Amino acid sequence: MQSQTPIHEQDYYRALAAKDARFDGVFFAGITTTGIYCRPICRVKTPRQTSCVFFSSQAAAEAAGFRPCLRCRPELAPYNLQQNLAHAIWHRISAGALNEASVEVLAEQVGLSSRQLRRVMLQEFGVSPIELAQTQRLLFAKKLIQETHLGMTEIAFAAGFGSVRRFNALFEARYKMTPASIRRLQVTSQSQQGITLRLAYRPPYAWNALLRYLHGRAMSGLEQVDLQQGCYRRSVQIDGKCGWIEVSHLADKQQLLLQIAPTLSSVLLPLLAKIRQQFDVEANPVVIAQHLRQDPLLAQQIVRTPGLRVPGSFDAFELAIRAILGQQVSVAGATTVSGRLVHKFGALAESPWVGVTHHFPSPERLAGLSVEEIATIGVPKTRAATIQHFSSFTVAGGLQVQAGISLEELILRLKALPGIGEWTAQYIAMRALRFPNAFPAGDLGLQKAVSGEASQLVARCTEKQLLLRAEAWSPWRSYAALLLWQSLSDLPEASAGLIG
């Protein structure tokens, strides 16, 4: 979609000439003299403005006949997702929603007619859902060709193509080259243990702060956070496939480095979508910081930890159960009982690490247990009953959130379940379901951070007072919460707060 006015085109050309990373993924530049489209950070010589056409997505550029640059690789650009229905649908398509299902099925899942769905995507991106899906498949296949040693057949099916013939034909028609012709550009250093891939993000990224947050909440047997090596490891179950992943940081390249078990090669597309969500790769920290730094308290923490992300979850059900186990107990206490749950009810897993031995128990497994059985991990029967109810809710499709649902609607749905209060519902919305404006105002740690109770200057503010102050932080209240928790991280009493 050639979607910008001449005024915007002038601004975008300036960003292109400056190689400004803040615009990476926000727009793509099609170069009419070469027929290639680039990211704004591409290091090639900047073309004349009269030779540039600007697009809001890779799909729009390819629909206009441009091919992706082999140097800056548009498939590596961080996503520019907005908080609207069209981008929520785009997210599902990018994770492979149309690889096996039809547009009609996707439309039903998001609560639209197929005609409405096509209109929404055309208005936002300038292409149909099918064209968008084809672009994502081709770019992902190109990524796998250049970054892995997977065979072309494996790549074709991992990218969502129904046949190798269809993959080759569409690749050649769109990119004017064969898949094999770009294999020479792939990286040569691959892990002996698994598949190596990369995910780009917009800087800055407070990687160490995020790792410390995950370290304090890592469930024994399921996850392992190595602070010395700066990496996160865990077992994985997805679409019937089992394996493991390791995520580390390439600060100089502004990328996350992924090591992935070979057994997961057929589910790489949905797997990467989950990793993006867990590590909040799609955040635009500059935009978020510009808004939140208007509050002096948050501004101080932004200076100390620029690029702080909201740690998400690899699996929404897993995080929701972790949140239930964290009700009215310390972080350390919730982490302990979560580990017991994994070891007692989770299936055994194979991994290269002695600390990653189990998978998280499935919703079906926990829903089928009695309250008494769940309570043996050391939780009250009322909390065990909540876990059982929530597991049944998940089995029935309760966590399959409709695209475009409001935060208020979601919170009401969650709070209708036995044992789920405001704090738990907001925490699940914030970390598991990625609502950037979710805010667990009943959290003791947040109230301490705002009131200054940690230094015993004033009395702790109430939940109502905190909500009132947080109104100015919308629509990024979740990021404000992380900044406040981070401000307490060096204090002894922080570990006793209700910080999930």
Protein backbone atom coordinates (compact mmCIF):
# COMPACT_ATOMS: atom_id res chain seq x y z
CA MET A 1 0.00 0.00 0.00
CA GLN A 2 1.53 3.27 -1.10
CA SER A 3 -0.04 4.89 1.90
CA GLN A 4 1.79 8.10 2.67
CA THR A 5 1.03 11.70 1.71
CA PRO A 6 3.79 13.81 0.11
CA ILE A 7 4.50 15.40 3.51
CA HIS A 8 5.08 11.98 5.03
CA GLU A 9 7.16 10.95 2.06
CA GLN A 10 9.50 13.86 2.76
CA ASP A 11 9.81 12.80 6.41
CA TYR A 12 10.37 9.18 5.45
CA TYR A 13 13.02 10.09 2.92
CA ARG A 14 14.90 12.01 5.62
CA ALA A 15 14.71 8.95 7.88
CA LEU A 16 15.96 6.78 5.01
CA ALA A 17 18.88 9.12 4.33
CA ALA A 18 19.77 9.14 8.06
CA LYS A 19 19.48 5.32 8.34
CA ASP A 20 17.30 5.99 11.38
CA ALA A 21 16.67 2.73 13.29
CA ARG A 22 13.59 4.21 14.98
CA PHE A 23 11.74 3.81 11.67
CA ASP A 24 12.84 0.22 11.05
CA GLY A 25 9.65 -1.72 10.30
CA VAL A 26 7.53 1.45 10.27
CA PHE A 27 7.94 1.84 6.51
CA PHE A 28 9.76 0.26 3.56
CA ALA A 29 11.27 2.09 0.60
CA GLY A 30 10.74 0.78 -2.92
CA ILE A 31 13.49 1.88 -5.31
CA THR A 32 12.01 2.29 -8.78
CA THR A 33 15.37 2.16 -10.55
CA THR A 34 16.20 -1.30 -9.21
CA GLY A 35 12.80 -2.84 -8.45
CA ILE A 36 13.97 -3.64 -4.91
CA TYR A 37 12.48 -2.55 -1.57
CA CYS A 38 14.58 -1.87 1.52
CA ARG A 39 14.40 -1.17 5.23
CA PRO A 40 15.18 2.44 6.24
CA ILE A 41 18.43 1.22 7.86
CA CYS A 42 19.80 -0.30 4.62
CA ARG A 43 23.50 0.60 4.29
CA VAL A 44 23.50 0.97 0.51
CA LYS A 45 23.92 4.41 -1.02
CA THR A 46 20.76 6.43 -0.50
CA PRO A 47 18.87 6.77 -3.80
CA ARG A 48 17.34 10.00 -5.04
CA GLN A 49 13.99 10.89 -3.51
CA THR A 50 12.37 10.80 -6.94
CA SER A 51 13.32 7.10 -7.16
CA CYS A 52 11.68 6.19 -3.84
CA VAL A 53 8.15 4.97 -3.16
CA PHE A 54 7.18 4.33 0.46
CA PHE A 55 5.05 1.47 1.77
CA SER A 56 3.65 0.58 5.19
CA SER A 57 4.36 -3.16 4.89
CA GLN A 58 6.42 -5.72 2.99
CA ALA A 59 3.23 -7.12 1.48
CA ALA A 60 2.28 -3.74 0.02
CA ALA A 61 5.76 -3.33 -1.50
CA GLU A 62 5.64 -6.79 -3.05
CA ALA A 63 2.10 -6.27 -4.34
CA ALA A 64 3.49 -3.24 -6.19
CA GLY A 65 6.09 -5.46 -7.87
CA PHE A 66 9.17 -4.80 -5.70
CA ARG A 67 11.54 -7.58 -4.53
CA PRO A 68 13.14 -7.72 -1.05
CA CYS A 69 16.70 -6.44 -0.70
CA LEU A 70 19.23 -9.24 -0.13
CA ARG A 71 21.43 -6.92 1.90
CA CYS A 72 19.16 -5.34 4.53
CA ARG A 73 16.69 -8.27 4.41
CA PRO A 74 13.21 -6.83 5.05
CA GLU A 75 12.12 -10.09 6.69
CA LEU A 76 14.34 -9.17 9.66
CA ALA A 77 12.60 -5.84 10.29
CA PRO A 78 10.81 -5.61 13.66
CA TYR A 79 7.05 -5.53 13.35
CA ASN A 80 5.19 -2.24 13.49
CA LEU A 81 2.05 -3.51 15.17
CA GLN A 82 -0.61 -1.06 16.26
CA GLN A 83 -3.44 -1.51 18.74
CA ASN A 84 -6.28 -2.07 16.29
CA LEU A 85 -8.29 -4.89 14.76
CA ALA A 86 -6.38 -4.97 11.47
CA HIS A 87 -3.03 -5.48 13.17
CA ALA A 88 -4.49 -8.09 15.52
CA ILE A 89 -5.60 -10.03 12.42
CA TRP A 90 -2.19 -9.43 10.79
CA HIS A 91 -0.54 -10.98 13.82
CA ARG A 92 -2.59 -14.15 13.42
CA ILE A 93 -1.82 -14.35 9.71
CA SER A 94 1.92 -13.88 10.34
CA ALA A 95 1.79 -16.82 12.78
CA GLY A 96 0.37 -19.05 10.05
CA ALA A 97 -3.40 -18.73 10.57
CA LEU A 98 -4.03 -19.12 6.81
CA ASN A 99 -1.56 -21.92 6.19
CA GLU A 100 -4.20 -24.60 6.73
CA ALA A 101 -7.41 -22.65 7.39
CA SER A 102 -9.40 -20.53 4.93
CA VAL A 103 -10.16 -16.82 5.04
CA GLU A 104 -13.72 -17.75 6.01
CA VAL A 105 -12.50 -19.72 9.05
CA LEU A 106 -10.20 -16.87 10.14
CA ALA A 107 -13.06 -14.37 9.72
CA GLU A 108 -15.28 -16.48 11.95
CA GLN A 109 -12.53 -16.66 14.60
CA VAL A 110 -12.23 -12.87 14.75
CA GLY A 111 -15.97 -12.23 14.64
CA LEU A 112 -16.25 -10.80 11.10
CA SER A 113 -17.64 -11.92 7.79
CA SER A 114 -15.06 -12.86 5.17
CA ARG A 115 -16.04 -9.76 3.20
CA GLN A 116 -15.52 -7.52 6.23
CA LEU A 117 -12.16 -9.17 6.90
CA ARG A 118 -10.95 -8.49 3.37
CA ARG A 119 -12.12 -4.88 3.57
CA VAL A 120 -10.35 -4.29 6.89
CA MET A 121 -7.04 -5.64 5.57
CA LEU A 122 -7.29 -3.75 2.27
CA GLN A 123 -7.95 -0.49 4.10
CA GLU A 124 -5.02 -0.96 6.49
CA PHE A 125 -2.42 -2.71 4.33
CA GLY A 126 -3.59 -2.32 0.74
CA VAL A 127 -3.55 -6.08 0.12
CA SER A 128 -5.91 -8.99 0.67
CA PRO A 129 -5.44 -11.51 3.52
CA ILE A 130 -4.23 -14.13 1.02
CA GLU A 131 -1.63 -11.75 -0.45
CA LEU A 132 -0.48 -10.86 3.05
CA ALA A 133 -0.13 -14.52 3.98
CA GLN A 134 1.82 -15.29 0.79
CA THR A 135 4.27 -12.48 1.50
CA GLN A 136 4.82 -13.72 5.06
CA ARG A 137 5.41 -17.28 3.84
CA LEU A 138 7.91 -16.18 1.19
CA LEU A 139 9.82 -13.88 3.54
CA PHE A 140 9.96 -16.56 6.22
CA ALA A 141 11.20 -19.10 3.68
CA LYS A 142 13.86 -16.62 2.56
CA LYS A 143 14.89 -16.20 6.19
CA LEU A 144 15.25 -19.95 6.66
CA ILE A 145 17.27 -20.29 3.44
CA GLN A 146 19.73 -17.61 4.53
CA GLU A 147 20.02 -18.51 8.21
CA THR A 148 19.75 -22.31 8.40
CA HIS A 149 20.95 -25.52 6.77
CA LEU A 150 17.43 -26.91 6.42
CA GLY A 151 16.66 -28.60 3.14
CA MET A 152 14.37 -26.88 0.65
CA THR A 153 11.57 -29.38 1.27
CA GLU A 154 11.72 -28.73 5.03
CA ILE A 155 11.75 -24.99 4.40
CA ALA A 156 8.77 -25.12 2.07
CA PHE A 157 6.58 -26.93 4.58
CA ALA A 158 7.90 -24.96 7.60
CA ALA A 159 6.91 -21.73 5.82
CA GLY A 160 3.39 -23.02 5.24
CA PHE A 161 3.47 -24.06 1.59
CA GLY A 162 1.40 -27.08 0.67
CA SER A 163 3.96 -28.35 -1.84
CA VAL A 164 7.56 -27.78 -2.89
CA ARG A 165 6.41 -27.11 -6.46
CA ARG A 166 4.12 -24.31 -5.29
CA PHE A 167 6.93 -22.87 -3.13
CA ASN A 168 9.44 -22.83 -6.01
CA ALA A 169 6.97 -21.38 -8.50
CA LEU A 170 5.81 -18.53 -6.25
CA PHE A 171 9.37 -17.75 -5.11
CA GLU A 172 10.62 -17.44 -8.68
CA ALA A 173 7.57 -15.48 -9.84
CA ARG A 174 7.80 -12.97 -6.98
CA TYR A 175 11.57 -12.64 -6.49
CA LYS A 176 12.85 -13.39 -10.03
CA MET A 177 15.34 -15.94 -8.66
CA THR A 178 15.32 -19.52 -7.45
CA PRO A 179 15.47 -20.41 -3.74
CA ALA A 180 18.83 -22.14 -4.29
CA SER A 181 20.35 -18.97 -5.77
CA ILE A 182 20.33 -17.15 -2.42
CA ARG A 183 21.49 -20.09 -0.33
CA ARG A 184 25.10 -18.95 -0.88
CA LEU A 185 24.33 -15.93 1.33
CA GLN A 186 23.33 -18.00 4.35
CA VAL A 187 25.36 -17.85 7.55
CA THR A 188 27.89 -20.65 7.79
CA SER A 189 28.23 -20.89 11.58
CA GLN A 190 25.38 -23.08 12.78
CA SER A 191 24.84 -24.74 16.11
CA GLN A 192 25.71 -28.41 16.28
CA GLN A 193 22.68 -28.93 18.50
CA GLY A 194 19.89 -27.20 16.63
CA ILE A 195 18.56 -24.58 14.25
CA THR A 196 19.90 -21.02 14.56
CA LEU A 197 17.65 -18.04 13.79
CA ARG A 198 17.58 -14.34 14.62
CA LEU A 199 14.89 -11.83 15.56
CA ALA A 200 15.45 -8.08 15.20
CA TYR A 201 14.11 -5.49 17.66
CA ARG A 202 14.04 -1.72 17.94
CA PRO A 203 16.72 -0.46 20.35
CA PRO A 204 17.22 0.06 23.17
CA TYR A 205 16.55 -3.31 24.79
CA ALA A 206 17.09 -3.81 28.54
CA TRP A 207 18.07 -7.47 28.09
CA ASN A 208 19.75 -7.96 31.45
CA ALA A 209 16.78 -6.50 33.33
CA LEU A 210 14.39 -8.78 31.45
CA LEU A 211 16.55 -11.83 32.19
CA ARG A 212 16.66 -10.99 35.90
CA TYR A 213 12.87 -10.71 35.93
CA LEU A 214 12.49 -14.11 34.27
CA HIS A 215 15.19 -15.62 36.50
CA GLY A 216 13.22 -14.90 39.64
CA ARG A 217 10.12 -16.54 38.17
CA ALA A 218 11.65 -19.47 36.25
CA MET A 219 9.78 -22.72 36.96
CA SER A 220 12.10 -25.55 37.97
CA GLY A 221 12.33 -28.26 35.33
CA LEU A 222 10.60 -26.14 32.67
CA GLU A 223 12.84 -23.07 32.38
CA GLN A 224 16.44 -22.14 33.05
CA VAL A 225 17.88 -18.62 33.08
CA ASP A 226 21.68 -18.42 32.96
CA LEU A 227 22.58 -14.89 34.07
CA GLN A 228 26.31 -15.45 33.54
CA GLN A 229 25.92 -16.52 29.93
CA GLY A 230 22.98 -14.16 29.41
CA CYS A 231 20.52 -16.68 28.01
CA TYR A 232 17.06 -18.18 28.58
CA ARG A 233 16.27 -21.87 28.00
CA ARG A 234 13.09 -23.90 28.18
CA SER A 235 11.25 -26.98 26.95
CA VAL A 236 8.66 -26.55 24.21
CA GLN A 237 5.44 -28.26 23.18
CA ILE A 238 3.65 -26.82 20.16
CA ASP A 239 1.19 -28.36 17.70
CA GLY A 240 2.11 -31.87 18.81
CA LYS A 241 5.88 -31.30 18.48
CA CYS A 242 8.29 -31.36 21.42
CA GLY A 243 11.71 -29.77 21.78
CA TRP A 244 13.58 -26.91 23.39
CA ILE A 245 14.78 -23.37 22.72
CA GLU A 246 17.59 -21.11 23.91
CA VAL A 247 17.40 -17.32 23.53
CA SER A 248 20.40 -15.00 23.89
CA HIS A 249 21.25 -11.42 22.95
CA LEU A 250 23.31 -9.99 20.07
CA ALA A 251 23.53 -6.41 21.30
CA ASP A 252 25.81 -5.19 18.48
CA LYS A 253 23.34 -6.43 15.85
CA GLN A 254 20.19 -5.43 17.78
CA GLN A 255 18.90 -8.97 17.50
CA LEU A 256 17.94 -11.96 19.63
CA LEU A 257 19.76 -15.18 18.77
CA LEU A 258 17.66 -18.35 18.88
CA GLN A 259 18.84 -21.95 19.13
CA ILE A 260 15.96 -24.30 18.37
CA ALA A 261 15.68 -28.08 18.59
CA PRO A 262 15.68 -29.78 15.15
CA THR A 263 12.46 -31.57 16.15
CA LEU A 264 10.66 -28.21 15.91
CA SER A 265 11.57 -27.49 12.27
CA SER A 266 8.00 -28.03 11.04
CA VAL A 267 6.50 -25.53 13.51
CA LEU A 268 8.99 -22.68 13.22
CA LEU A 269 6.43 -20.09 12.10
CA PRO A 270 4.12 -20.35 15.14
CA LEU A 271 7.15 -20.96 17.37
CA LEU A 272 8.76 -17.64 16.42
CA ALA A 273 5.44 -15.86 16.99
CA LYS A 274 5.45 -17.19 20.57
CA ILE A 275 9.06 -16.15 21.14
CA ARG A 276 8.31 -12.66 19.81
CA GLN A 277 5.50 -12.42 22.31
CA GLN A 278 7.49 -13.73 25.27
CA PHE A 279 10.37 -11.31 24.69
CA ASP A 280 8.24 -8.34 23.59
CA VAL A 281 10.23 -7.98 20.36
CA GLU A 282 7.57 -5.80 18.74
CA ALA A 283 7.72 -2.96 21.29
CA ASN A 284 8.75 0.52 20.18
CA PRO A 285 10.65 1.70 23.29
CA VAL A 286 11.29 5.22 21.98
CA VAL A 287 7.58 5.93 21.50
CA ILE A 288 6.70 4.37 24.87
CA ALA A 289 9.42 6.29 26.70
CA GLN A 290 8.40 9.61 25.14
CA HIS A 291 4.97 9.23 26.70
CA LEU A 292 5.90 7.77 30.09
CA ARG A 293 8.79 10.11 30.85
CA GLN A 294 6.27 12.90 31.37
CA ASP A 295 5.89 11.44 34.87
CA PRO A 296 9.07 12.33 36.86
CA LEU A 297 9.03 9.05 38.78
CA LEU A 298 8.94 6.97 35.60
CA ALA A 299 11.41 9.28 33.87
CA GLN A 300 14.07 8.46 36.48
CA GLN A 301 13.67 4.74 35.91
CA ILE A 302 13.66 5.10 32.12
CA VAL A 303 17.09 6.73 32.38
CA ARG A 304 18.33 3.84 34.56
CA THR A 305 16.89 1.03 32.41
CA PRO A 306 16.20 2.29 28.87
CA GLY A 307 14.34 -0.16 26.67
CA LEU A 308 12.61 -2.07 29.46
CA ARG A 309 10.21 -4.64 28.01
CA VAL A 310 7.11 -6.32 29.43
CA PRO A 311 8.11 -10.00 29.72
CA GLY A 312 5.37 -11.99 28.03
CA SER A 313 4.74 -15.70 28.06
CA PHE A 314 5.56 -18.54 25.72
CA ASP A 315 2.18 -20.04 26.52
CA ALA A 316 -0.82 -18.11 27.84
CA PHE A 317 -2.20 -21.02 29.89
CA GLU A 318 1.16 -21.63 31.52
CA LEU A 319 1.48 -17.99 32.58
CA ALA A 320 -2.12 -17.85 33.80
CA ILE A 321 -1.57 -20.83 36.11
CA ARG A 322 1.64 -19.18 37.33
CA ALA A 323 -0.38 -16.03 38.10
CA ILE A 324 -2.97 -18.03 40.06
CA LEU A 325 -0.20 -19.68 42.09
CA GLY A 326 1.19 -16.18 42.76
CA GLN A 327 -1.97 -14.91 44.44
CA GLN A 328 -1.17 -13.38 47.85
CA VAL A 329 2.25 -15.03 48.13
CA SER A 330 5.80 -13.89 47.47
CA VAL A 331 7.53 -14.28 44.12
CA ALA A 332 9.82 -16.93 45.63
CA GLY A 333 6.87 -18.83 47.07
CA ALA A 334 4.97 -18.83 43.78
CA THR A 335 8.08 -19.97 41.91
CA THR A 336 8.56 -22.87 44.32
CA VAL A 337 5.03 -24.25 44.01
CA SER A 338 5.08 -23.70 40.23
CA GLY A 339 8.16 -25.92 40.02
CA ARG A 340 6.38 -28.58 42.07
CA LEU A 341 3.43 -28.45 39.66
CA VAL A 342 5.76 -28.95 36.68
CA HIS A 343 7.63 -31.88 38.22
CA LYS A 344 4.53 -33.61 39.58
CA PHE A 345 2.15 -33.28 36.62
CA GLY A 346 4.27 -32.34 33.60
CA ALA A 347 5.53 -34.83 31.01
CA LEU A 348 9.24 -35.58 30.76
CA ALA A 349 11.22 -33.55 28.22
CA GLU A 350 14.56 -34.05 26.47
CA SER A 351 17.01 -31.15 26.27
CA PRO A 352 20.77 -30.47 26.25
CA TRP A 353 20.56 -29.05 29.79
CA VAL A 354 20.18 -30.91 33.10
CA GLY A 355 17.88 -28.19 34.45
CA VAL A 356 15.30 -28.49 31.63
CA THR A 357 13.61 -31.84 32.21
CA HIS A 358 9.83 -31.38 31.95
CA HIS A 359 7.06 -29.83 29.89
CA PHE A 360 4.35 -27.77 31.52
CA PRO A 361 1.22 -29.87 32.21
CA SER A 362 -1.47 -29.44 29.59
CA PRO A 363 -4.87 -27.88 30.34
CA GLU A 364 -6.45 -31.31 29.77
CA ARG A 365 -4.10 -32.88 32.32
CA LEU A 366 -4.85 -30.35 35.06
CA ALA A 367 -8.57 -30.23 34.29
CA GLY A 368 -8.73 -33.98 34.78
CA LEU A 369 -7.16 -33.92 38.25
CA SER A 370 -9.11 -33.70 41.46
CA VAL A 371 -8.79 -30.68 43.73
CA GLU A 372 -7.12 -32.91 46.32
CA GLU A 373 -4.48 -34.05 43.82
CA ILE A 374 -3.61 -30.50 42.78
CA ALA A 375 -3.45 -29.40 46.43
CA THR A 376 -0.62 -31.88 47.09
CA ILE A 377 1.86 -29.39 45.61
CA GLY A 378 1.31 -27.27 48.71
CA VAL A 379 -1.53 -24.89 47.88
CA PRO A 380 -4.91 -24.39 49.61
CA LYS A 381 -7.81 -26.37 48.19
CA THR A 382 -9.51 -23.14 47.14
CA ARG A 383 -6.52 -22.29 44.94
CA ALA A 384 -6.36 -25.86 43.64
CA ALA A 385 -10.04 -25.53 42.69
CA THR A 386 -9.26 -22.29 40.83
CA ILE A 387 -6.53 -24.09 38.86
CA GLN A 388 -8.95 -26.88 37.99
CA HIS A 389 -11.68 -24.43 36.91
CA PHE A 390 -9.25 -22.35 34.85
CA SER A 391 -7.89 -25.47 33.14
CA SER A 392 -11.42 -26.51 32.13
CA PHE A 393 -12.06 -22.93 30.93
CA THR A 394 -8.94 -23.18 28.73
CA VAL A 395 -9.89 -26.60 27.34
CA ALA A 396 -13.23 -25.07 26.32
CA GLY A 397 -11.41 -22.34 24.36
CA GLY A 398 -11.63 -19.58 26.94
CA LEU A 399 -8.10 -18.28 26.28
CA GLN A 400 -8.68 -18.02 22.52
CA VAL A 401 -9.29 -14.30 22.70
CA GLN A 402 -11.20 -12.74 19.82
CA ALA A 403 -9.23 -10.15 17.86
CA GLY A 404 -10.36 -6.65 18.76
CA ILE A 405 -11.73 -7.54 22.22
CA SER A 406 -11.32 -4.65 24.67
CA LEU A 407 -9.30 -4.90 27.86
CA GLU A 408 -12.45 -4.22 29.88
CA GLU A 409 -14.34 -7.09 28.20
CA LEU A 410 -11.44 -9.47 28.80
CA ILE A 411 -11.12 -8.56 32.48
CA LEU A 412 -14.84 -9.15 33.03
CA ARG A 413 -14.60 -12.55 31.30
CA LEU A 414 -11.68 -13.63 33.47
CA LYS A 415 -13.17 -12.32 36.72
CA ALA A 416 -16.32 -14.37 36.09
CA LEU A 417 -14.22 -17.47 36.86
CA PRO A 418 -14.06 -18.75 40.47
CA GLY A 419 -10.98 -17.48 42.29
CA ILE A 420 -9.94 -14.93 39.64
CA GLY A 421 -9.88 -11.38 41.01
CA GLU A 422 -8.83 -8.05 39.56
CA TRP A 423 -5.10 -8.51 40.22
CA THR A 424 -4.94 -11.94 38.59
CA ALA A 425 -7.06 -10.89 35.61
CA GLN A 426 -4.93 -7.79 34.95
CA TYR A 427 -1.70 -9.76 35.33
CA ILE A 428 -2.90 -12.41 32.85
CA ALA A 429 -3.99 -9.70 30.42
CA MET A 430 -0.66 -7.93 30.78
CA ARG A 431 1.81 -10.82 30.42
CA ALA A 432 -0.09 -13.74 28.90
CA LEU A 433 -2.42 -11.95 26.48
CA ARG A 434 -0.23 -8.90 25.74
CA PHE A 435 -2.56 -6.01 26.52
CA PRO A 436 -0.17 -3.03 26.84
CA ASN A 437 -2.60 -1.04 28.98
CA ALA A 438 -3.32 -3.77 31.56
CA PHE A 439 -2.38 -2.64 35.05
CA PRO A 440 -2.65 -4.68 38.31
CA ALA A 441 -3.18 -1.67 40.55
CA GLY A 442 -3.81 -3.91 43.58
CA ASP A 443 -0.17 -5.01 43.56
CA LEU A 444 1.61 -4.13 46.77
CA GLY A 445 4.91 -3.49 44.97
CA LEU A 446 3.37 -0.95 42.60
CA GLN A 447 1.73 0.88 45.47
CA LYS A 448 5.03 1.00 47.37
CA ALA A 449 6.96 2.26 44.34
CA VAL A 450 4.55 5.14 43.72
CA SER A 451 4.10 6.19 47.35
CA GLY A 452 7.76 6.07 48.34
CA GLU A 453 6.99 3.64 51.16
CA ALA A 454 10.27 1.88 50.45
CA SER A 455 12.03 4.90 51.92
CA GLN A 456 9.32 5.31 54.61
CA LEU A 457 8.59 8.88 53.55
CA VAL A 458 4.83 8.65 53.22
CA ALA A 459 2.02 6.19 53.74
CA ARG A 460 1.38 3.66 50.99
CA CYS A 461 -1.12 4.85 48.39
CA THR A 462 -4.35 2.98 47.85
CA GLU A 463 -5.39 1.03 44.77
CA LYS A 464 -7.85 3.77 43.87
CA GLN A 465 -5.19 6.48 44.16
CA LEU A 466 -2.78 4.46 42.03
CA LEU A 467 -5.39 3.93 39.31
CA LEU A 468 -6.06 7.66 39.25
CA ARG A 469 -2.38 8.46 38.75
CA ALA A 470 -2.01 5.69 36.16
CA GLU A 471 -4.62 7.28 33.89
CA ALA A 472 -1.89 9.53 32.51
CA TRP A 473 0.20 6.48 31.57
CA SER A 474 -2.36 5.05 29.13
CA PRO A 475 -2.04 3.32 26.70
CA TRP A 476 1.27 2.02 28.10
CA ARG A 477 0.35 1.24 31.71
CA SER A 478 1.90 -2.25 31.53
CA TYR A 479 5.28 -0.70 30.74
CA ALA A 480 4.79 1.76 33.60
CA ALA A 481 4.20 -1.22 35.91
CA LEU A 482 7.48 -2.82 34.84
CA LEU A 483 9.34 0.43 35.42
CA LEU A 484 7.88 0.69 38.91
CA TRP A 485 8.73 -2.92 39.76
CA GLN A 486 12.21 -2.38 38.40
CA SER A 487 12.63 0.63 40.70
CA LEU A 488 12.14 -1.74 43.64
CA SER A 489 14.40 -4.49 42.35
CA ASP A 490 17.39 -3.53 44.50
CA LEU A 491 15.37 -3.24 47.69
CA PRO A 492 15.25 -6.20 50.14
CA GLU A 493 11.49 -5.96 50.60
CA ALA A 494 10.83 -6.07 46.85
CA SER A 495 10.98 -9.87 46.80
CA ALA A 496 8.11 -10.01 49.24
CA GLY A 497 5.79 -7.90 47.08
CA LEU A 498 3.06 -9.30 44.89
CA ILE A 499 5.07 -8.97 41.69
CA GLY A 500 3.87 -12.16 39.98
